[in-house]
C-alpha atoms as a PDB file:
ATOM      1  CA  MET A   1      65.839  72.681 151.692  1.00  0.00           C
ATOM      2  CA  GLY A   2      69.498  73.379 151.964  1.00  0.00           C
ATOM      3  CA  SER A   3      71.306  75.636 154.398  1.00  0.00           C
ATOM      4  CA  THR A   4      74.552  76.511 152.666  1.00  0.00           C
ATOM      5  CA  PHE A   5      77.804  77.812 154.065  1.00  0.00           C
ATOM      6  CA  SER A   6      81.113  78.638 152.464  1.00  0.00           C
ATOM      7  CA  ASN A   7      84.580  77.514 153.455  1.00  0.00           C
ATOM      8  CA  GLN A   8      86.011  80.831 152.262  1.00  0.00           C
ATOM      9  CA  ILE A   9      87.618  83.113 154.817  1.00  0.00           C
ATOM     10  CA  GLY A  10      85.153  85.807 155.843  1.00  0.00           C
ATOM     11  CA  GLN A  11      82.114  83.822 154.683  1.00  0.00           C
ATOM     12  CA  LYS A  12      82.471  80.744 156.861  1.00  0.00           C
ATOM     13  CA  ARG A  13      79.378  81.095 159.025  1.00  0.00           C
ATOM     14  CA  ILE A  14      78.920  77.459 159.978  1.00  0.00           C
ATOM     15  CA  ASP A  15      77.284  78.290 163.325  1.00  0.00           C
ATOM     16  CA  LEU A  16      74.714  80.456 161.547  1.00  0.00           C
ATOM     17  CA  ALA A  17      74.014  77.723 158.981  1.00  0.00           C
ATOM     18  CA  ASP A  18      73.530  75.290 161.863  1.00  0.00           C
ATOM     19  CA  LYS A  19      71.057  77.647 163.578  1.00  0.00           C
ATOM     20  CA  ILE A  20      69.108  78.171 160.347  1.00  0.00           C
ATOM     21  CA  THR A  21      69.032  74.409 159.740  1.00  0.00           C
ATOM     22  CA  ASP A  22      67.649  73.858 163.253  1.00  0.00           C
ATOM     23  CA  LEU A  23      65.058  76.633 162.799  1.00  0.00           C
ATOM     24  CA  LEU A  24      63.815  75.158 159.532  1.00  0.00           C
ATOM     25  CA  ASN A  25      63.776  71.575 160.821  1.00  0.00           C
ATOM     26  CA  GLU A  26      61.859  72.665 163.939  1.00  0.00           C
ATOM     27  CA  ASN A  27      59.261  74.211 161.631  1.00  0.00           C
ATOM     28  CA  GLY A  28      58.756  71.059 159.575  1.00  0.00           C
ATOM     29  CA  LYS A  29      61.131  71.877 156.710  1.00  0.00           C
ATOM     30  CA  GLU A  30      63.480  68.973 156.083  1.00  0.00           C
ATOM     31  CA  THR A  31      66.822  70.743 155.760  1.00  0.00           C
ATOM     32  CA  ILE A  32      70.419  69.679 155.224  1.00  0.00           C
ATOM     33  CA  MET A  33      73.611  71.678 155.676  1.00  0.00           C
ATOM     34  CA  ILE A  34      75.745  72.060 152.569  1.00  0.00           C
ATOM     35  CA  GLY A  35      79.300  73.356 152.679  1.00  0.00           C
ATOM     36  CA  SER A  36      81.577  74.248 149.793  1.00  0.00           C
ATOM     37  CA  ILE A  37      83.937  76.945 148.611  1.00  0.00           C
ATOM     38  CA  HIS A  38      81.599  78.053 145.810  1.00  0.00           C
ATOM     39  CA  GLN A  39      77.887  77.365 145.618  1.00  0.00           C
ATOM     40  CA  SER A  40      76.451  76.503 142.213  1.00  0.00           C
ATOM     41  CA  HIS A  41      72.973  75.570 141.085  1.00  0.00           C
ATOM     42  CA  GLU A  42      74.351  72.344 139.630  1.00  0.00           C
ATOM     43  CA  GLN A  43      75.653  71.359 143.036  1.00  0.00           C
ATOM     44  CA  LEU A  44      72.357  72.102 144.756  1.00  0.00           C
ATOM     45  CA  LEU A  45      70.149  70.544 142.072  1.00  0.00           C
ATOM     46  CA  GLY A  46      72.168  67.355 142.377  1.00  0.00           C
ATOM     47  CA  LEU A  47      71.132  67.170 146.033  1.00  0.00           C
ATOM     48  CA  GLY A  48      67.427  67.240 145.206  1.00  0.00           C
ATOM     49  CA  ILE A  49      66.565  70.333 147.229  1.00  0.00           C
ATOM     50  CA  ASP A  50      63.813  72.789 146.311  1.00  0.00           C
ATOM     51  CA  ALA A  51      65.285  75.959 147.868  1.00  0.00           C
ATOM     52  CA  ALA A  52      68.399  77.128 149.680  1.00  0.00           C
ATOM     53  CA  VAL A  53      69.326  79.597 152.387  1.00  0.00           C
ATOM     54  CA  ILE A  54      72.642  81.265 151.618  1.00  0.00           C
ATOM     55  CA  THR A  55      74.544  81.974 154.834  1.00  0.00           C
ATOM     56  CA  ALA A  56      77.733  82.881 152.992  1.00  0.00           C
ATOM     57  CA  CYS A  57      77.662  86.028 150.846  1.00  0.00           C
ATOM     58  CA  PRO A  58      74.093  87.407 150.753  1.00  0.00           C
ATOM     59  CA  ARG A  59      74.829  88.926 147.338  1.00  0.00           C
ATOM     60  CA  LEU A  60      74.499  85.447 145.841  1.00  0.00           C
ATOM     61  CA  ALA A  61      70.828  85.277 146.828  1.00  0.00           C
ATOM     62  CA  ILE A  62      70.109  88.934 146.057  1.00  0.00           C
ATOM     63  CA  GLU A  63      72.007  89.457 142.797  1.00  0.00           C
ATOM     64  CA  ASP A  64      72.348  85.981 141.295  1.00  0.00           C
ATOM     65  CA  GLY A  65      69.211  84.403 142.759  1.00  0.00           C
ATOM     66  CA  PRO A  66      66.939  85.317 139.824  1.00  0.00           C
ATOM     67  CA  THR A  67      69.172  83.306 137.464  1.00  0.00           C
ATOM     68  CA  TRP A  68      68.967  80.127 139.553  1.00  0.00           C
ATOM     69  CA  PRO A  69      66.319  77.438 138.954  1.00  0.00           C
ATOM     70  CA  MET A  70      65.346  77.414 142.659  1.00  0.00           C
ATOM     71  CA  PRO A  71      64.621  80.081 145.268  1.00  0.00           C
ATOM     72  CA  LEU A  72      67.650  81.384 147.161  1.00  0.00           C
ATOM     73  CA  LEU A  73      66.969  83.103 150.465  1.00  0.00           C
ATOM     74  CA  THR A  74      69.101  85.281 152.684  1.00  0.00           C
ATOM     75  CA  VAL A  75      69.243  84.615 156.411  1.00  0.00           C
ATOM     76  CA  PRO A  76      66.937  87.563 157.275  1.00  0.00           C
ATOM     77  CA  GLU A  77      64.407  86.471 154.629  1.00  0.00           C
ATOM     78  CA  THR A  78      64.338  83.006 156.167  1.00  0.00           C
ATOM     79  CA  GLN A  79      63.871  84.468 159.645  1.00  0.00           C
ATOM     80  CA  ILE A  80      60.960  86.574 158.345  1.00  0.00           C
ATOM     81  CA  ILE A  81      59.277  83.552 156.750  1.00  0.00           C
ATOM     82  CA  MET A  82      59.658  81.577 159.990  1.00  0.00           C
ATOM     83  CA  GLY A  83      58.173  84.440 162.038  1.00  0.00           C
ATOM     84  CA  LYS A  84      61.400  85.247 163.883  1.00  0.00           C
ATOM     85  CA  ARG A  85      61.921  88.725 162.439  1.00  0.00           C
ATOM     86  CA  GLU A  86      59.813  91.632 161.218  1.00  0.00           C
ATOM     87  CA  PRO A  87      59.887  92.374 157.476  1.00  0.00           C
ATOM     88  CA  GLU A  88      59.959  96.157 157.858  1.00  0.00           C
ATOM     89  CA  PRO A  89      62.345  97.818 157.579  1.00  0.00           C
ATOM     90  CA  TYR A  90      63.944  95.266 155.271  1.00  0.00           C
ATOM     91  CA  PRO A  91      66.860  93.704 157.189  1.00  0.00           C
ATOM     92  CA  PHE A  92      70.000  93.360 155.094  1.00  0.00           C
ATOM     93  CA  ASP A  93      72.305  90.469 155.940  1.00  0.00           C
ATOM     94  CA  GLU A  94      75.590  92.061 156.955  1.00  0.00           C
ATOM     95  CA  PHE A  95      78.835  90.654 158.216  1.00  0.00           C
ATOM     96  CA  ALA A  96      79.871  92.097 161.579  1.00  0.00           C
END
């Protein structure tokens, strides 16, 4: 898996990507951190990952995710899958 973060101002959540990477690794999911200004499926496919957690703009996973050849997850979705958050009500990933 990949835990992605952006270098763009306002979307640079490296600490969050690091926490998600640790959470996934602790739960047996081999995960690498991936940083770039813009995430693309070509970039991620070239790394040989099966899925990615988008810690930058959650709209990428929500709106563009269906067009990608791999699952894209938001941070809350990942936390739900790992049993760290309840699925109801659906938690939107928001920037504070």
